[in-house]
Amino acid sequence: MNTTRLGRVAREALLLIRKFMGQGDFYNASEAALKAAEAFKEIAKHSTGSAHKIAYKRARILVEITKVLRRGESLPIDLVEALDSFYPTSSQPPTLESDEPLHAPASEEASPESLVSNADNEVVQEEGDVEPTQHQLLNGIAIACKMVEMLECTSQSIRIMVQNLTDVKTITVGTESCEVNLIDRLVAKSKEGVTVRIIIREPEAFGATSKHFQEAVEKLLQDSSTIEILVCAQMHIKALIIDETEVLEGSANFTAKGLSGIGEQATATNNPDFVSQFVDRFDRYWVHQSSECTACKNRTCEVHPLTRRIQ
């Protein structure tokens, strides 16, 4: 992984955000913000300590900036201040045409280390600002809320392994409520260009309770032409993996009862080693190369009518 190149990409994208915002070109500004977010996510994956935390935090903020700009809106003052703090420089915004590459002089190339060079001097956890944790235990409605947060932040890929999922709308537990809209969110993300792949158990295995499961999967396939489904007769894992950077896994199925968190527990982590193991496990299932697949005599995955994989 060329981290120096990632640093340069992040710097160039940040400068382009300023350029396009100055021109009132919110669309290209949003594209630059997304590019910067992806670069910082990669930097976070390949760094540790304060540098990891700050790069991860900046990626999250840039995702929020992308959303605002895509709505054609000016940034609120808190996001403007956050953006200005990312790369302190006296340089004027670039004057290149939008289709020309932006290259910093060799002496000014920004490495990941220089992009977060003030990490030791920054207040990593400011008042009211919850910094992403390496490992977080969740229960109750917090499981549903974390799932929504992760789905909203994803920009590249969604992998889901789950025994059962339904078209969960709103979760309410006591005085707390969470708008999940699971199927609509997955469809919307697929239409934004996010790769969505889901491995599920066959709905008919749940007997009388299979109706809502079947309807949810059919809605996914009908409302999006790019969402891919693999039906696996052995699937019992419950996990959401986003952008190969974060995992939510635990005991809860992706149903109203499961995501209420009553009697359930989940773990959210952005630990790179843990995440990569989950990505590898999913991908092995996807191409029928897991140990369970090689020993399986039931070829539901190949013949089930809900299976859809795009070549």
C-alpha atoms as a PDB file:
ATOM      1  CA  MET A   1       0.000   0.000   0.000  1.00  0.00           C
ATOM      2  CA  ASN A   2       1.505   3.310  -1.155  1.00  0.00           C
ATOM      3  CA  THR A   3       0.551   5.530   1.783  1.00  0.00           C
ATOM      4  CA  THR A   4       2.475   8.504   0.388  1.00  0.00           C
ATOM      5  CA  ARG A   5       0.266   8.405  -2.692  1.00  0.00           C
ATOM      6  CA  LEU A   6      -2.838   8.250  -0.465  1.00  0.00           C
ATOM      7  CA  GLY A   7      -1.653  11.352   1.350  1.00  0.00           C
ATOM      8  CA  ARG A   8      -1.229  13.183  -1.954  1.00  0.00           C
ATOM      9  CA  VAL A   9      -4.681  12.080  -3.146  1.00  0.00           C
ATOM     10  CA  ALA A  10      -6.273  13.333   0.075  1.00  0.00           C
ATOM     11  CA  ARG A  11      -4.508  16.700  -0.163  1.00  0.00           C
ATOM     12  CA  GLU A  12      -5.444  17.215  -3.804  1.00  0.00           C
ATOM     13  CA  ALA A  13      -9.070  16.308  -3.142  1.00  0.00           C
ATOM     14  CA  LEU A  14      -9.272  18.727  -0.206  1.00  0.00           C
ATOM     15  CA  LEU A  15      -7.962  21.548  -2.370  1.00  0.00           C
ATOM     16  CA  LEU A  16     -10.472  20.699  -5.092  1.00  0.00           C
ATOM     17  CA  ILE A  17     -13.331  20.881  -2.572  1.00  0.00           C
ATOM     18  CA  ARG A  18     -12.318  24.467  -1.810  1.00  0.00           C
ATOM     19  CA  LYS A  19     -11.989  25.286  -5.498  1.00  0.00           C
ATOM     20  CA  PHE A  20     -15.391  23.931  -6.512  1.00  0.00           C
ATOM     21  CA  MET A  21     -17.166  25.361  -3.487  1.00  0.00           C
ATOM     22  CA  GLY A  22     -15.736  28.758  -4.403  1.00  0.00           C
ATOM     23  CA  GLN A  23     -17.253  28.334  -7.882  1.00  0.00           C
ATOM     24  CA  GLY A  24     -20.606  27.254  -6.493  1.00  0.00           C
ATOM     25  CA  ASP A  25     -20.157  23.846  -8.156  1.00  0.00           C
ATOM     26  CA  PHE A  26     -21.602  21.657  -5.411  1.00  0.00           C
ATOM     27  CA  TYR A  27     -21.674  18.469  -7.492  1.00  0.00           C
ATOM     28  CA  ASN A  28     -17.942  18.418  -8.266  1.00  0.00           C
ATOM     29  CA  ALA A  29     -17.226  19.579  -4.720  1.00  0.00           C
ATOM     30  CA  SER A  30     -19.164  16.556  -3.439  1.00  0.00           C
ATOM     31  CA  GLU A  31     -17.196  14.236  -5.746  1.00  0.00           C
ATOM     32  CA  ALA A  32     -13.934  15.665  -4.409  1.00  0.00           C
ATOM     33  CA  ALA A  33     -15.186  15.283  -0.818  1.00  0.00           C
ATOM     34  CA  LEU A  34     -16.028  11.635  -1.439  1.00  0.00           C
ATOM     35  CA  LYS A  35     -12.595  11.036  -2.940  1.00  0.00           C
ATOM     36  CA  ALA A  36     -10.944  12.640   0.096  1.00  0.00           C
ATOM     37  CA  ALA A  37     -13.100  10.519   2.442  1.00  0.00           C
ATOM     38  CA  GLU A  38     -12.031   7.334   0.679  1.00  0.00           C
ATOM     39  CA  ALA A  39      -8.367   8.341   0.870  1.00  0.00           C
ATOM     40  CA  PHE A  40      -8.608   9.039   4.605  1.00  0.00           C
ATOM     41  CA  LYS A  41     -10.366   5.694   5.152  1.00  0.00           C
ATOM     42  CA  GLU A  42      -7.443   3.954   3.469  1.00  0.00           C
ATOM     43  CA  ILE A  43      -4.961   5.973   5.520  1.00  0.00           C
ATOM     44  CA  ALA A  44      -6.833   4.923   8.688  1.00  0.00           C
ATOM     45  CA  LYS A  45      -6.649   1.263   7.656  1.00  0.00           C
ATOM     46  CA  HIS A  46      -2.866   1.447   7.353  1.00  0.00           C
ATOM     47  CA  SER A  47      -2.033   3.571  10.403  1.00  0.00           C
ATOM     48  CA  THR A  48      -2.249   3.196  14.165  1.00  0.00           C
ATOM     49  CA  GLY A  49      -2.713   5.243  17.308  1.00  0.00           C
ATOM     50  CA  SER A  50      -3.623   8.927  17.026  1.00  0.00           C
ATOM     51  CA  ALA A  51      -3.005   8.992  13.280  1.00  0.00           C
ATOM     52  CA  HIS A  52      -5.551   6.187  12.795  1.00  0.00           C
ATOM     53  CA  LYS A  53      -8.161   7.923  14.945  1.00  0.00           C
ATOM     54  CA  ILE A  54      -7.833  11.289  13.264  1.00  0.00           C
ATOM     55  CA  ALA A  55      -7.827   9.886   9.721  1.00  0.00           C
ATOM     56  CA  TYR A  56     -10.935   7.838  10.552  1.00  0.00           C
ATOM     57  CA  LYS A  57     -12.655  10.866  12.074  1.00  0.00           C
ATOM     58  CA  ARG A  58     -11.883  12.985   9.017  1.00  0.00           C
ATOM     59  CA  ALA A  59     -13.267  10.309   6.704  1.00  0.00           C
ATOM     60  CA  ARG A  60     -16.535  10.373   8.648  1.00  0.00           C
ATOM     61  CA  ILE A  61     -16.768  14.161   8.509  1.00  0.00           C
ATOM     62  CA  LEU A  62     -16.038  14.164   4.781  1.00  0.00           C
ATOM     63  CA  VAL A  63     -18.890  11.706   4.246  1.00  0.00           C
ATOM     64  CA  GLU A  64     -21.196  14.203   5.985  1.00  0.00           C
ATOM     65  CA  ILE A  65     -19.795  17.001   3.808  1.00  0.00           C
ATOM     66  CA  THR A  66     -20.477  14.877   0.714  1.00  0.00           C
ATOM     67  CA  LYS A  67     -24.124  14.410   1.704  1.00  0.00           C
ATOM     68  CA  VAL A  68     -24.687  18.145   2.226  1.00  0.00           C
ATOM     69  CA  LEU A  69     -23.013  19.101  -1.054  1.00  0.00           C
ATOM     70  CA  ARG A  70     -24.958  16.478  -3.006  1.00  0.00           C
ATOM     71  CA  ARG A  71     -28.142  18.175  -1.820  1.00  0.00           C
ATOM     72  CA  GLY A  72     -26.828  21.384  -3.405  1.00  0.00           C
ATOM     73  CA  GLU A  73     -26.572  23.089  -0.021  1.00  0.00           C
ATOM     74  CA  SER A  74     -23.853  25.251   1.483  1.00  0.00           C
ATOM     75  CA  LEU A  75     -21.924  23.706   4.337  1.00  0.00           C
ATOM     76  CA  PRO A  76     -22.937  24.664   7.882  1.00  0.00           C
ATOM     77  CA  ILE A  77     -20.278  26.522   9.827  1.00  0.00           C
ATOM     78  CA  ASP A  78     -19.208  23.488  11.877  1.00  0.00           C
ATOM     79  CA  LEU A  79     -18.391  21.495   8.727  1.00  0.00           C
ATOM     80  CA  VAL A  80     -16.622  24.493   7.162  1.00  0.00           C
ATOM     81  CA  GLU A  81     -14.446  24.821  10.257  1.00  0.00           C
ATOM     82  CA  ALA A  82     -13.745  21.087  10.283  1.00  0.00           C
ATOM     83  CA  LEU A  83     -12.750  21.165   6.616  1.00  0.00           C
ATOM     84  CA  ASP A  84     -10.482  24.182   7.125  1.00  0.00           C
ATOM     85  CA  SER A  85      -8.695  22.385   9.958  1.00  0.00           C
ATOM     86  CA  PHE A  86      -7.873  19.276   7.935  1.00  0.00           C
ATOM     87  CA  TYR A  87      -4.966  20.668   5.965  1.00  0.00           C
ATOM     88  CA  PRO A  88      -3.681  24.023   7.206  1.00  0.00           C
ATOM     89  CA  THR A  89      -2.090  25.808   4.275  1.00  0.00           C
ATOM     90  CA  SER A  90      -1.581  29.340   3.022  1.00  0.00           C
ATOM     91  CA  SER A  91      -1.997  28.223  -0.584  1.00  0.00           C
ATOM     92  CA  GLN A  92      -4.807  29.713  -2.610  1.00  0.00           C
ATOM     93  CA  PRO A  93      -7.392  27.280  -4.000  1.00  0.00           C
ATOM     94  CA  PRO A  94      -6.203  25.764  -7.296  1.00  0.00           C
ATOM     95  CA  THR A  95      -7.181  27.478 -10.530  1.00  0.00           C
ATOM     96  CA  LEU A  96      -7.031  24.402 -12.749  1.00  0.00           C
ATOM     97  CA  GLU A  97      -9.938  23.419 -14.945  1.00  0.00           C
ATOM     98  CA  SER A  98     -12.074  20.682 -13.386  1.00  0.00           C
ATOM     99  CA  ASP A  99     -10.824  18.046 -15.822  1.00  0.00           C
ATOM    100  CA  GLU A 100      -7.135  18.749 -15.199  1.00  0.00           C
ATOM    101  CA  PRO A 101      -5.218  16.751 -12.567  1.00  0.00           C
ATOM    102  CA  LEU A 102      -4.029  18.621  -9.506  1.00  0.00           C
ATOM    103  CA  HIS A 103      -0.453  17.838  -8.498  1.00  0.00           C
ATOM    104  CA  ALA A 104       1.385  19.322  -5.556  1.00  0.00           C
ATOM    105  CA  PRO A 105       5.042  20.250  -6.075  1.00  0.00           C
ATOM    106  CA  ALA A 106       7.304  17.432  -4.977  1.00  0.00           C
ATOM    107  CA  SER A 107       8.519  19.433  -2.003  1.00  0.00           C
ATOM    108  CA  GLU A 108       4.930  19.924  -0.826  1.00  0.00           C
ATOM    109  CA  GLU A 109       3.626  16.372  -1.278  1.00  0.00           C
ATOM    110  CA  ALA A 110       1.569  15.415   1.729  1.00  0.00           C
ATOM    111  CA  SER A 111       2.123  12.050   3.309  1.00  0.00           C
ATOM    112  CA  PRO A 112      -0.414  10.487   5.663  1.00  0.00           C
ATOM    113  CA  GLU A 113       1.924  11.440   8.495  1.00  0.00           C
ATOM    114  CA  SER A 114       1.940  15.116   7.493  1.00  0.00           C
ATOM    115  CA  LEU A 115      -1.841  15.141   7.060  1.00  0.00           C
ATOM    116  CA  VAL A 116      -2.178  14.120  10.689  1.00  0.00           C
ATOM    117  CA  SER A 117       1.112  15.603  11.884  1.00  0.00           C
ATOM    118  CA  ASN A 118      -0.648  17.589  14.594  1.00  0.00           C
ATOM    119  CA  ALA A 119      -2.253  14.448  15.998  1.00  0.00           C
ATOM    120  CA  ASP A 120      -0.338  14.619  19.251  1.00  0.00           C
ATOM    121  CA  ASN A 121      -1.351  18.253  19.721  1.00  0.00           C
ATOM    122  CA  GLU A 122      -5.008  17.886  18.738  1.00  0.00           C
ATOM    123  CA  VAL A 123      -7.753  17.079  21.183  1.00  0.00           C
ATOM    124  CA  VAL A 124      -8.814  13.749  19.727  1.00  0.00           C
ATOM    125  CA  GLN A 125     -11.971  13.547  21.817  1.00  0.00           C
ATOM    126  CA  GLU A 126     -13.530  16.981  22.046  1.00  0.00           C
ATOM    127  CA  GLU A 127     -16.489  17.774  24.238  1.00  0.00           C
ATOM    128  CA  GLY A 128     -19.602  16.328  22.633  1.00  0.00           C
ATOM    129  CA  ASP A 129     -17.598  14.525  19.931  1.00  0.00           C
ATOM    130  CA  VAL A 130     -17.650  10.741  20.161  1.00  0.00           C
ATOM    131  CA  GLU A 131     -14.551   9.314  18.554  1.00  0.00           C
ATOM    132  CA  PRO A 132     -14.851   5.954  16.748  1.00  0.00           C
ATOM    133  CA  THR A 133     -13.799   3.106  19.000  1.00  0.00           C
ATOM    134  CA  GLN A 134     -11.797   0.037  18.085  1.00  0.00           C
ATOM    135  CA  HIS A 135     -14.212  -2.338  19.818  1.00  0.00           C
ATOM    136  CA  GLN A 136     -17.710  -1.520  21.088  1.00  0.00           C
ATOM    137  CA  LEU A 137     -20.227  -3.803  22.795  1.00  0.00           C
ATOM    138  CA  LEU A 138     -23.855  -2.985  22.007  1.00  0.00           C
ATOM    139  CA  ASN A 139     -27.243  -4.139  23.220  1.00  0.00           C
ATOM    140  CA  GLY A 140     -30.799  -2.886  23.119  1.00  0.00           C
ATOM    141  CA  ILE A 141     -31.822  -0.358  20.496  1.00  0.00           C
ATOM    142  CA  ALA A 142     -28.177   0.725  20.166  1.00  0.00           C
ATOM    143  CA  ILE A 143     -27.726  -2.237  17.795  1.00  0.00           C
ATOM    144  CA  ALA A 144     -30.273  -0.818  15.338  1.00  0.00           C
ATOM    145  CA  CYS A 145     -28.873   2.708  15.664  1.00  0.00           C
ATOM    146  CA  LYS A 146     -25.339   1.497  14.957  1.00  0.00           C
ATOM    147  CA  MET A 147     -26.524  -0.378  11.871  1.00  0.00           C
ATOM    148  CA  VAL A 148     -28.186   2.772  10.505  1.00  0.00           C
ATOM    149  CA  GLU A 149     -25.059   4.832  11.215  1.00  0.00           C
ATOM    150  CA  MET A 150     -22.856   2.364   9.371  1.00  0.00           C
ATOM    151  CA  LEU A 151     -25.161   2.093   6.349  1.00  0.00           C
ATOM    152  CA  GLU A 152     -25.342   5.865   6.068  1.00  0.00           C
ATOM    153  CA  CYS A 153     -21.554   6.193   6.127  1.00  0.00           C
ATOM    154  CA  THR A 154     -20.731   3.508   3.565  1.00  0.00           C
ATOM    155  CA  SER A 155     -19.514   4.689   0.177  1.00  0.00           C
ATOM    156  CA  GLN A 156     -18.062   1.576  -1.480  1.00  0.00           C
ATOM    157  CA  SER A 157     -19.403  -1.795  -0.393  1.00  0.00           C
ATOM    158  CA  ILE A 158     -21.925  -3.500   1.866  1.00  0.00           C
ATOM    159  CA  ARG A 159     -21.595  -7.182   2.748  1.00  0.00           C
ATOM    160  CA  ILE A 160     -24.308  -8.827   4.823  1.00  0.00           C
ATOM    161  CA  MET A 161     -24.365 -12.352   6.247  1.00  0.00           C
ATOM    162  CA  VAL A 162     -27.598 -13.042   8.108  1.00  0.00           C
ATOM    163  CA  GLN A 163     -29.971 -15.880   8.831  1.00  0.00           C
ATOM    164  CA  ASN A 164     -33.135 -13.793   8.505  1.00  0.00           C
ATOM    165  CA  LEU A 165     -33.978 -10.231   7.458  1.00  0.00           C
ATOM    166  CA  THR A 166     -37.241  -8.354   6.996  1.00  0.00           C
ATOM    167  CA  ASP A 167     -38.330  -4.907   5.862  1.00  0.00           C
ATOM    168  CA  VAL A 168     -37.670  -3.293   9.241  1.00  0.00           C
ATOM    169  CA  LYS A 169     -39.093   0.228   9.391  1.00  0.00           C
ATOM    170  CA  THR A 170     -38.957   1.754  12.882  1.00  0.00           C
ATOM    171  CA  ILE A 171     -37.650   0.205  16.096  1.00  0.00           C
ATOM    172  CA  THR A 172     -39.152   1.515  19.342  1.00  0.00           C
ATOM    173  CA  VAL A 173     -38.009   0.349  22.763  1.00  0.00           C
ATOM    174  CA  GLY A 174     -39.505   2.213  25.698  1.00  0.00           C
ATOM    175  CA  THR A 175     -39.014   5.922  25.012  1.00  0.00           C
ATOM    176  CA  GLU A 176     -36.283   5.340  22.414  1.00  0.00           C
ATOM    177  CA  SER A 177     -36.915   5.083  18.699  1.00  0.00           C
ATOM    178  CA  CYS A 178     -34.755   4.433  15.619  1.00  0.00           C
ATOM    179  CA  GLU A 179     -35.752   4.833  11.959  1.00  0.00           C
ATOM    180  CA  VAL A 180     -34.179   1.802  10.284  1.00  0.00           C
ATOM    181  CA  ASN A 181     -35.924   1.471   6.883  1.00  0.00           C
ATOM    182  CA  LEU A 182     -33.524  -1.376   6.152  1.00  0.00           C
ATOM    183  CA  ILE A 183     -34.664  -2.417   2.674  1.00  0.00           C
ATOM    184  CA  ASP A 184     -35.038   1.165   1.423  1.00  0.00           C
ATOM    185  CA  ARG A 185     -31.575   2.067   2.701  1.00  0.00           C
ATOM    186  CA  LEU A 186     -29.961  -0.887   0.973  1.00  0.00           C
ATOM    187  CA  VAL A 187     -31.744  -0.100  -2.291  1.00  0.00           C
ATOM    188  CA  ALA A 188     -30.773   3.576  -2.065  1.00  0.00           C
ATOM    189  CA  LYS A 189     -27.126   2.702  -1.439  1.00  0.00           C
ATOM    190  CA  SER A 190     -27.067   0.339  -4.413  1.00  0.00           C
ATOM    191  CA  LYS A 191     -28.404   3.145  -6.614  1.00  0.00           C
ATOM    192  CA  GLU A 192     -25.601   5.406  -5.371  1.00  0.00           C
ATOM    193  CA  GLY A 193     -23.114   2.894  -6.794  1.00  0.00           C
ATOM    194  CA  VAL A 194     -22.363   1.008  -3.578  1.00  0.00           C
ATOM    195  CA  THR A 195     -21.818  -2.729  -4.115  1.00  0.00           C
ATOM    196  CA  VAL A 196     -24.411  -4.609  -2.049  1.00  0.00           C
ATOM    197  CA  ARG A 197     -24.001  -8.360  -1.539  1.00  0.00           C
ATOM    198  CA  ILE A 198     -26.138 -10.374   0.885  1.00  0.00           C
ATOM    199  CA  ILE A 199     -25.907 -14.013   2.011  1.00  0.00           C
ATOM    200  CA  ILE A 200     -29.094 -15.317   3.654  1.00  0.00           C
ATOM    201  CA  ARG A 201     -30.737 -18.526   4.797  1.00  0.00           C
ATOM    202  CA  GLU A 202     -33.537 -19.842   2.565  1.00  0.00           C
ATOM    203  CA  PRO A 203     -36.814 -18.164   3.716  1.00  0.00           C
ATOM    204  CA  GLU A 204     -38.891 -21.359   3.502  1.00  0.00           C
ATOM    205  CA  ALA A 205     -36.783 -22.820   6.328  1.00  0.00           C
ATOM    206  CA  PHE A 206     -38.712 -20.567   8.735  1.00  0.00           C
ATOM    207  CA  GLY A 207     -42.113 -22.115   8.035  1.00  0.00           C
ATOM    208  CA  ALA A 208     -45.061 -19.952   8.993  1.00  0.00           C
ATOM    209  CA  THR A 209     -42.841 -16.966   9.765  1.00  0.00           C
ATOM    210  CA  SER A 210     -41.126 -16.957   6.363  1.00  0.00           C
ATOM    211  CA  LYS A 211     -43.592 -14.637   4.596  1.00  0.00           C
ATOM    212  CA  HIS A 212     -42.038 -11.317   5.684  1.00  0.00           C
ATOM    213  CA  PHE A 213     -38.521 -12.634   5.010  1.00  0.00           C
ATOM    214  CA  GLN A 214     -39.492 -13.713   1.476  1.00  0.00           C
ATOM    215  CA  GLU A 215     -41.204 -10.381   0.775  1.00  0.00           C
ATOM    216  CA  ALA A 216     -38.182  -8.392   1.940  1.00  0.00           C
ATOM    217  CA  VAL A 217     -35.773 -10.271  -0.331  1.00  0.00           C
ATOM    218  CA  GLU A 218     -38.134 -10.019  -3.297  1.00  0.00           C
ATOM    219  CA  LYS A 219     -38.401  -6.261  -2.708  1.00  0.00           C
ATOM    220  CA  LEU A 220     -34.612  -5.936  -2.728  1.00  0.00           C
ATOM    221  CA  LEU A 221     -34.386  -7.768  -6.048  1.00  0.00           C
ATOM    222  CA  GLN A 222     -37.284  -5.874  -7.581  1.00  0.00           C
ATOM    223  CA  ASP A 223     -36.283  -2.362  -6.489  1.00  0.00           C
ATOM    224  CA  SER A 224     -32.590  -2.652  -7.378  1.00  0.00           C
ATOM    225  CA  SER A 225     -31.045  -4.349 -10.395  1.00  0.00           C
ATOM    226  CA  THR A 226     -27.576  -4.443  -8.829  1.00  0.00           C
ATOM    227  CA  ILE A 227     -28.151  -5.928  -5.370  1.00  0.00           C
ATOM    228  CA  GLU A 228     -26.807  -9.489  -5.285  1.00  0.00           C
ATOM    229  CA  ILE A 229     -28.213 -12.305  -3.154  1.00  0.00           C
ATOM    230  CA  LEU A 230     -26.799 -15.714  -2.292  1.00  0.00           C
ATOM    231  CA  VAL A 231     -29.073 -18.200  -0.509  1.00  0.00           C
ATOM    232  CA  CYS A 232     -27.121 -20.561   1.769  1.00  0.00           C
ATOM    233  CA  ALA A 233     -28.825 -23.418   3.615  1.00  0.00           C
ATOM    234  CA  GLN A 234     -26.224 -23.235   6.407  1.00  0.00           C
ATOM    235  CA  MET A 235     -26.097 -19.473   7.047  1.00  0.00           C
ATOM    236  CA  HIS A 236     -26.395 -18.607  10.727  1.00  0.00           C
ATOM    237  CA  ILE A 237     -23.916 -15.712  10.997  1.00  0.00           C
ATOM    238  CA  LYS A 238     -25.328 -12.228  11.605  1.00  0.00           C
ATOM    239  CA  ALA A 239     -22.915  -9.559  10.380  1.00  0.00           C
ATOM    240  CA  LEU A 240     -22.780  -6.276   8.474  1.00  0.00           C
ATOM    241  CA  ILE A 241     -19.464  -5.260   6.868  1.00  0.00           C
ATOM    242  CA  ILE A 242     -19.085  -1.804   5.303  1.00  0.00           C
ATOM    243  CA  ASP A 243     -16.315  -0.567   3.011  1.00  0.00           C
ATOM    244  CA  GLU A 244     -14.019  -3.301   4.366  1.00  0.00           C
ATOM    245  CA  THR A 245     -13.376  -0.959   7.314  1.00  0.00           C
ATOM    246  CA  GLU A 246     -15.996  -1.791   9.961  1.00  0.00           C
ATOM    247  CA  VAL A 247     -18.013  -4.789  11.144  1.00  0.00           C
ATOM    248  CA  LEU A 248     -21.186  -5.109  13.203  1.00  0.00           C
ATOM    249  CA  GLU A 249     -21.727  -8.713  14.297  1.00  0.00           C
ATOM    250  CA  GLY A 250     -23.619 -10.501  17.007  1.00  0.00           C
ATOM    251  CA  SER A 251     -26.696 -12.556  17.844  1.00  0.00           C
ATOM    252  CA  ALA A 252     -29.395 -10.338  16.295  1.00  0.00           C
ATOM    253  CA  ASN A 253     -31.131 -11.194  13.050  1.00  0.00           C
ATOM    254  CA  PHE A 254     -31.984  -8.192  10.883  1.00  0.00           C
ATOM    255  CA  THR A 255     -35.640  -8.233  11.890  1.00  0.00           C
ATOM    256  CA  ALA A 256     -37.744  -5.942  14.071  1.00  0.00           C
ATOM    257  CA  LYS A 257     -37.392  -8.310  17.026  1.00  0.00           C
ATOM    258  CA  GLY A 258     -33.660  -8.827  16.514  1.00  0.00           C
ATOM    259  CA  LEU A 259     -32.789  -5.162  16.031  1.00  0.00           C
ATOM    260  CA  SER A 260     -34.800  -4.158  19.087  1.00  0.00           C
ATOM    261  CA  GLY A 261     -31.824  -5.684  20.891  1.00  0.00           C
ATOM    262  CA  ILE A 262     -33.948  -7.298  23.576  1.00  0.00           C
ATOM    263  CA  GLY A 263     -32.003 -10.358  24.656  1.00  0.00           C
ATOM    264  CA  GLU A 264     -29.403  -9.655  21.966  1.00  0.00           C
ATOM    265  CA  GLN A 265     -25.827  -8.413  21.899  1.00  0.00           C
ATOM    266  CA  ALA A 266     -23.562  -7.137  19.135  1.00  0.00           C
ATOM    267  CA  THR A 267     -20.006  -5.966  18.653  1.00  0.00           C
ATOM    268  CA  ALA A 268     -18.938  -3.117  16.385  1.00  0.00           C
ATOM    269  CA  THR A 269     -15.268  -2.818  15.505  1.00  0.00           C
ATOM    270  CA  ASN A 270     -12.973  -1.137  13.014  1.00  0.00           C
ATOM    271  CA  ASN A 271      -9.989  -3.252  14.031  1.00  0.00           C
ATOM    272  CA  PRO A 272      -8.332  -3.960  10.640  1.00  0.00           C
ATOM    273  CA  ASP A 273      -7.344  -7.552  11.445  1.00  0.00           C
ATOM    274  CA  PHE A 274     -10.811  -8.448  12.703  1.00  0.00           C
ATOM    275  CA  VAL A 275     -12.538  -6.749   9.753  1.00  0.00           C
ATOM    276  CA  SER A 276     -10.284  -8.431   7.183  1.00  0.00           C
ATOM    277  CA  GLN A 277     -11.118 -11.837   8.659  1.00  0.00           C
ATOM    278  CA  PHE A 278     -14.832 -11.139   8.251  1.00  0.00           C
ATOM    279  CA  VAL A 279     -14.339  -9.908   4.683  1.00  0.00           C
ATOM    280  CA  ASP A 280     -12.372 -13.075   3.887  1.00  0.00           C
ATOM    281  CA  ARG A 281     -15.032 -15.294   5.456  1.00  0.00           C
ATOM    282  CA  PHE A 282     -17.802 -13.589   3.464  1.00  0.00           C
ATOM    283  CA  ASP A 283     -15.861 -13.762   0.203  1.00  0.00           C
ATOM    284  CA  ARG A 284     -15.129 -17.452   0.666  1.00  0.00           C
ATOM    285  CA  TYR A 285     -18.825 -18.153   1.125  1.00  0.00           C
ATOM    286  CA  TRP A 286     -19.574 -16.026  -1.940  1.00  0.00           C
ATOM    287  CA  VAL A 287     -17.416 -18.170  -4.229  1.00  0.00           C
ATOM    288  CA  HIS A 288     -18.266 -21.487  -2.467  1.00  0.00           C
ATOM    289  CA  GLN A 289     -14.771 -21.931  -1.041  1.00  0.00           C
ATOM    290  CA  SER A 290     -15.404 -21.864   2.700  1.00  0.00           C
ATOM    291  CA  SER A 291     -14.844 -25.088   4.613  1.00  0.00           C
ATOM    292  CA  GLU A 292     -18.617 -25.301   5.126  1.00  0.00           C
ATOM    293  CA  CYS A 293     -19.188 -24.982   1.370  1.00  0.00           C
ATOM    294  CA  THR A 294     -16.754 -27.705   0.387  1.00  0.00           C
ATOM    295  CA  ALA A 295     -18.379 -30.133   2.833  1.00  0.00           C
ATOM    296  CA  CYS A 296     -21.957 -29.139   1.935  1.00  0.00           C
ATOM    297  CA  LYS A 297     -24.130 -31.609   0.018  1.00  0.00           C
ATOM    298  CA  ASN A 298     -27.049 -29.175  -0.196  1.00  0.00           C
ATOM    299  CA  ARG A 299     -26.612 -26.988  -3.298  1.00  0.00           C
ATOM    300  CA  THR A 300     -29.364 -24.513  -2.400  1.00  0.00           C
ATOM    301  CA  CYS A 301     -26.948 -21.684  -3.176  1.00  0.00           C
ATOM    302  CA  GLU A 302     -26.828 -22.704  -6.833  1.00  0.00           C
ATOM    303  CA  VAL A 303     -30.496 -23.393  -7.537  1.00  0.00           C
ATOM    304  CA  HIS A 304     -32.595 -21.236  -5.191  1.00  0.00           C
ATOM    305  CA  PRO A 305     -34.788 -18.759  -7.123  1.00  0.00           C
ATOM    306  CA  LEU A 306     -33.814 -15.857  -4.853  1.00  0.00           C
ATOM    307  CA  THR A 307     -30.107 -16.248  -5.596  1.00  0.00           C
ATOM    308  CA  ARG A 308     -28.898 -13.493  -7.931  1.00  0.00           C
ATOM    309  CA  ARG A 309     -25.214 -12.930  -8.628  1.00  0.00           C
ATOM    310  CA  ILE A 310     -24.113 -10.526 -11.322  1.00  0.00           C
ATOM    311  CA  GLN A 311     -21.123 -11.693 -13.325  1.00  0.00           C
END
